[in-house]
Amino acid sequence: MQTEFDRLLYFDGTRRQAEEKYAENPYDADNLTKWGGALLELSQFQSVPESKKMILEAISKLEEALLVNPKSPETLWVLGNAFTSQAFMTSDEEEARVFFEKSTMYFQQAANEDPSNELYRKSLEVAAKAPELHKEIHKHGSLQQAMSSAPSTSTGTKPSAKKKTSNDLKYDIFGWVILAVGIVAWLGFARSHVPPPPPPR
């Protein structure tokens, strides 16, 4: 699908720009957050093992951003999304529970820092339901199947119902994470294109 490819290109470009900026200034928390968010987005396009690696890399960048600015609600919130993704990638229920607890903690901190942000509050609500969804998904072994299935590229054939279901499941799982990270990336993009303030007189 063209839009999928466009998203892949966009977030890969964002990741590369962040890498370049990092070489110039490793203490730019907004840039590190953008980098972590881009990695989290790109993880959705990978195989399960590659996705897990990319999510760990995203968490590392976001934790680095928090060292620079520990109260950034945006960073806290993206980190919450990263831990949610990591939890869904983990089949072990106990291990996943630890990741869900971390994600809830970061969502709560983001909401505390910016109480008027509805997205942060919604993420907190969804995080409460995530462990139950995790249990359902892994009970049926659907995650591996969902992550490994790709949309049919041939235009003349209809994908099977099973393939469609696994794709739907993949988007159900990651839908709110993708939306959330997409908004963060868009905000970062918009902020980076704001004209500079006039020079002081």
Protein backbone atom coordinates (compact mmCIF):
# COMPACT_ATOMS: atom_id res chain seq x y z
CA MET A 1 0.00 0.00 0.00
CA GLN A 2 1.40 3.37 -1.02
CA THR A 3 0.54 5.15 2.23
CA GLU A 4 2.40 2.45 4.22
CA PHE A 5 5.45 2.99 2.02
CA ASP A 6 5.15 6.78 2.42
CA ARG A 7 5.04 6.39 6.21
CA LEU A 8 8.08 4.13 6.11
CA LEU A 9 10.01 6.68 4.05
CA TYR A 10 8.90 9.58 6.25
CA PHE A 11 9.94 7.96 9.52
CA ASP A 12 13.17 6.62 8.07
CA GLY A 13 13.99 10.19 6.96
CA THR A 14 13.09 11.48 10.43
CA ARG A 15 15.40 8.88 12.01
CA ARG A 16 18.29 9.85 9.73
CA GLN A 17 17.84 13.58 10.39
CA ALA A 18 17.78 12.90 14.13
CA GLU A 19 21.00 10.87 13.85
CA GLU A 20 22.70 13.76 12.03
CA LYS A 21 21.48 16.32 14.58
CA TYR A 22 22.62 14.06 17.42
CA ALA A 23 26.17 14.11 16.02
CA GLU A 24 26.08 17.92 16.27
CA ASN A 25 24.32 18.09 19.65
CA PRO A 26 23.78 14.94 21.75
CA TYR A 27 21.92 16.95 24.44
CA ASP A 28 18.88 17.95 22.38
CA ALA A 29 15.99 16.22 24.21
CA ASP A 30 13.44 17.05 21.47
CA ASN A 31 15.68 15.50 18.84
CA LEU A 32 16.21 12.36 20.94
CA THR A 33 12.43 12.10 21.42
CA LYS A 34 11.88 12.47 17.68
CA TRP A 35 14.51 9.76 17.06
CA GLY A 36 12.91 7.40 19.57
CA GLY A 37 9.45 8.04 18.10
CA ALA A 38 10.70 7.37 14.56
CA LEU A 39 12.31 4.10 15.67
CA LEU A 40 9.07 3.08 17.36
CA GLU A 41 7.14 3.79 14.15
CA LEU A 42 9.69 1.93 12.01
CA SER A 43 9.48 -1.10 14.32
CA GLN A 44 5.93 -1.69 13.01
CA PHE A 45 7.37 -2.55 9.57
CA GLN A 46 9.89 -5.14 10.80
CA SER A 47 9.89 -8.86 11.53
CA VAL A 48 9.24 -9.69 15.21
CA PRO A 49 12.97 -10.05 16.18
CA GLU A 50 13.92 -6.85 14.31
CA SER A 51 10.93 -5.04 15.77
CA LYS A 52 11.99 -6.01 19.31
CA LYS A 53 15.52 -4.69 18.66
CA MET A 54 14.18 -1.42 17.26
CA ILE A 55 11.84 -0.92 20.23
CA LEU A 56 14.79 -1.42 22.62
CA GLU A 57 16.77 1.16 20.64
CA ALA A 58 13.79 3.56 20.82
CA ILE A 59 13.58 3.09 24.60
CA SER A 60 17.30 3.81 24.89
CA LYS A 61 16.97 7.10 22.95
CA LEU A 62 13.90 8.15 24.96
CA GLU A 63 15.59 7.39 28.28
CA GLU A 64 18.55 9.44 27.07
CA ALA A 65 16.13 12.31 26.30
CA LEU A 66 14.73 12.07 29.85
CA LEU A 67 18.25 12.46 31.27
CA VAL A 68 18.37 15.84 29.50
CA ASN A 69 14.77 16.86 30.26
CA PRO A 70 13.14 14.58 32.87
CA LYS A 71 9.81 16.44 32.81
CA SER A 72 9.08 16.45 29.07
CA PRO A 73 5.51 15.13 28.81
CA GLU A 74 6.03 14.28 25.14
CA THR A 75 9.08 12.11 25.91
CA LEU A 76 7.37 10.44 28.88
CA TRP A 77 4.37 9.67 26.73
CA VAL A 78 6.34 8.22 23.78
CA LEU A 79 8.31 6.11 26.27
CA GLY A 80 5.01 4.80 27.63
CA ASN A 81 4.08 3.78 24.07
CA ALA A 82 7.46 2.08 23.61
CA PHE A 83 6.99 -0.01 26.76
CA THR A 84 3.45 -0.91 25.64
CA SER A 85 4.85 -2.11 22.30
CA GLN A 86 7.56 -4.06 24.10
CA ALA A 87 4.94 -5.71 26.31
CA PHE A 88 2.90 -6.84 23.30
CA MET A 89 6.05 -8.28 21.72
CA THR A 90 6.66 -10.38 24.84
CA SER A 91 4.76 -13.65 25.12
CA ASP A 92 5.66 -14.19 28.80
CA GLU A 93 2.80 -12.74 30.85
CA GLU A 94 4.89 -11.79 33.90
CA GLU A 95 7.53 -10.02 31.79
CA ALA A 96 4.80 -8.22 29.83
CA ARG A 97 3.14 -7.14 33.10
CA VAL A 98 6.39 -5.37 34.14
CA PHE A 99 6.46 -3.50 30.80
CA PHE A 100 2.78 -2.56 31.13
CA GLU A 101 3.45 -1.21 34.63
CA LYS A 102 6.31 0.91 33.26
CA SER A 103 4.14 2.21 30.41
CA THR A 104 1.36 3.13 32.85
CA MET A 105 3.88 4.93 35.07
CA TYR A 106 5.19 6.99 32.12
CA PHE A 107 1.67 7.76 30.84
CA GLN A 108 0.75 8.91 34.35
CA GLN A 109 3.84 11.15 34.55
CA ALA A 110 3.03 12.63 31.12
CA ALA A 111 -0.55 13.32 32.23
CA ASN A 112 0.73 14.87 35.48
CA GLU A 113 3.08 17.18 33.55
CA ASP A 114 0.38 18.21 31.05
CA PRO A 115 -3.06 17.54 32.64
CA SER A 116 -4.94 19.29 29.81
CA ASN A 117 -3.64 16.86 27.16
CA GLU A 118 -6.47 14.48 26.32
CA LEU A 119 -4.17 12.10 24.42
CA TYR A 120 -2.10 11.46 27.55
CA ARG A 121 -5.24 10.75 29.59
CA LYS A 122 -6.63 8.45 26.89
CA SER A 123 -3.34 6.53 26.76
CA LEU A 124 -3.59 6.00 30.50
CA GLU A 125 -7.12 4.59 30.08
CA VAL A 126 -6.05 2.27 27.26
CA ALA A 127 -3.01 1.12 29.25
CA ALA A 128 -5.36 -0.21 31.94
CA LYS A 129 -6.98 -2.52 29.34
CA ALA A 130 -3.74 -3.55 27.62
CA PRO A 131 -2.82 -6.56 29.84
CA GLU A 132 -6.18 -8.20 29.11
CA LEU A 133 -5.72 -7.66 25.36
CA HIS A 134 -2.19 -9.08 25.65
CA LYS A 135 -3.52 -12.21 27.33
CA GLU A 136 -6.11 -12.73 24.57
CA ILE A 137 -3.61 -12.21 21.75
CA HIS A 138 -0.95 -14.52 23.13
CA LYS A 139 -3.48 -17.18 24.17
CA HIS A 140 -4.21 -17.68 20.47
CA GLY A 141 -0.61 -17.15 19.33
CA SER A 142 -1.87 -14.46 16.98
CA LEU A 143 0.88 -11.86 17.37
CA GLN A 144 3.60 -13.77 15.47
CA GLN A 145 1.09 -14.47 12.71
CA ALA A 146 -0.09 -10.85 12.62
CA MET A 147 3.41 -9.41 12.55
CA SER A 148 4.63 -11.80 9.86
CA SER A 149 1.70 -11.30 7.49
CA ALA A 150 2.06 -8.60 4.89
CA PRO A 151 -0.73 -7.07 2.81
CA SER A 152 -1.17 -8.72 -0.58
CA THR A 153 0.74 -6.80 -3.25
CA SER A 154 -0.91 -8.41 -6.27
CA THR A 155 -3.94 -6.46 -7.45
CA GLY A 156 -5.76 -9.38 -9.08
CA THR A 157 -6.01 -11.64 -6.03
CA LYS A 158 -8.05 -11.26 -2.90
CA PRO A 159 -6.22 -11.94 0.37
CA SER A 160 -7.65 -14.83 2.37
CA ALA A 161 -9.96 -14.12 5.29
CA LYS A 162 -7.30 -15.43 7.67
CA LYS A 163 -4.72 -13.01 6.32
CA LYS A 164 -7.18 -10.14 6.54
CA THR A 165 -7.99 -11.03 10.15
CA SER A 166 -4.35 -11.16 11.16
CA ASN A 167 -3.72 -7.79 9.49
CA ASP A 168 -6.75 -6.33 11.27
CA LEU A 169 -5.40 -7.69 14.54
CA LYS A 170 -2.00 -6.14 13.91
CA TYR A 171 -3.61 -2.75 13.33
CA ASP A 172 -5.87 -3.14 16.37
CA ILE A 173 -2.83 -3.80 18.56
CA PHE A 174 -0.67 -1.02 17.22
CA GLY A 175 -3.32 1.39 16.01
CA TRP A 176 -3.34 3.70 18.98
CA VAL A 177 0.46 3.49 19.34
CA ILE A 178 0.93 4.41 15.68
CA LEU A 179 -1.57 7.26 15.94
CA ALA A 180 0.08 8.53 19.10
CA VAL A 181 3.63 8.42 17.79
CA GLY A 182 2.49 9.90 14.47
CA ILE A 183 1.05 12.90 16.28
CA VAL A 184 4.30 13.34 18.23
CA ALA A 185 6.32 13.18 15.02
CA TRP A 186 3.99 15.67 13.35
CA LEU A 187 4.25 18.04 16.32
CA GLY A 188 8.04 17.75 16.20
CA PHE A 189 8.01 18.38 12.47
CA ALA A 190 5.73 21.41 12.85
CA ARG A 191 7.87 22.78 15.68
CA SER A 192 11.07 22.41 13.64
CA HIS A 193 9.52 24.46 10.80
CA VAL A 194 8.42 27.42 12.91
CA PRO A 195 10.22 30.57 11.70
CA PRO A 196 12.93 31.73 14.07
CA PRO A 197 12.09 34.66 16.37
CA PRO A 198 13.27 38.10 15.19
CA PRO A 199 16.76 38.99 16.40
CA PRO A 200 16.90 41.16 19.54
CA ARG A 201 17.43 44.86 18.87
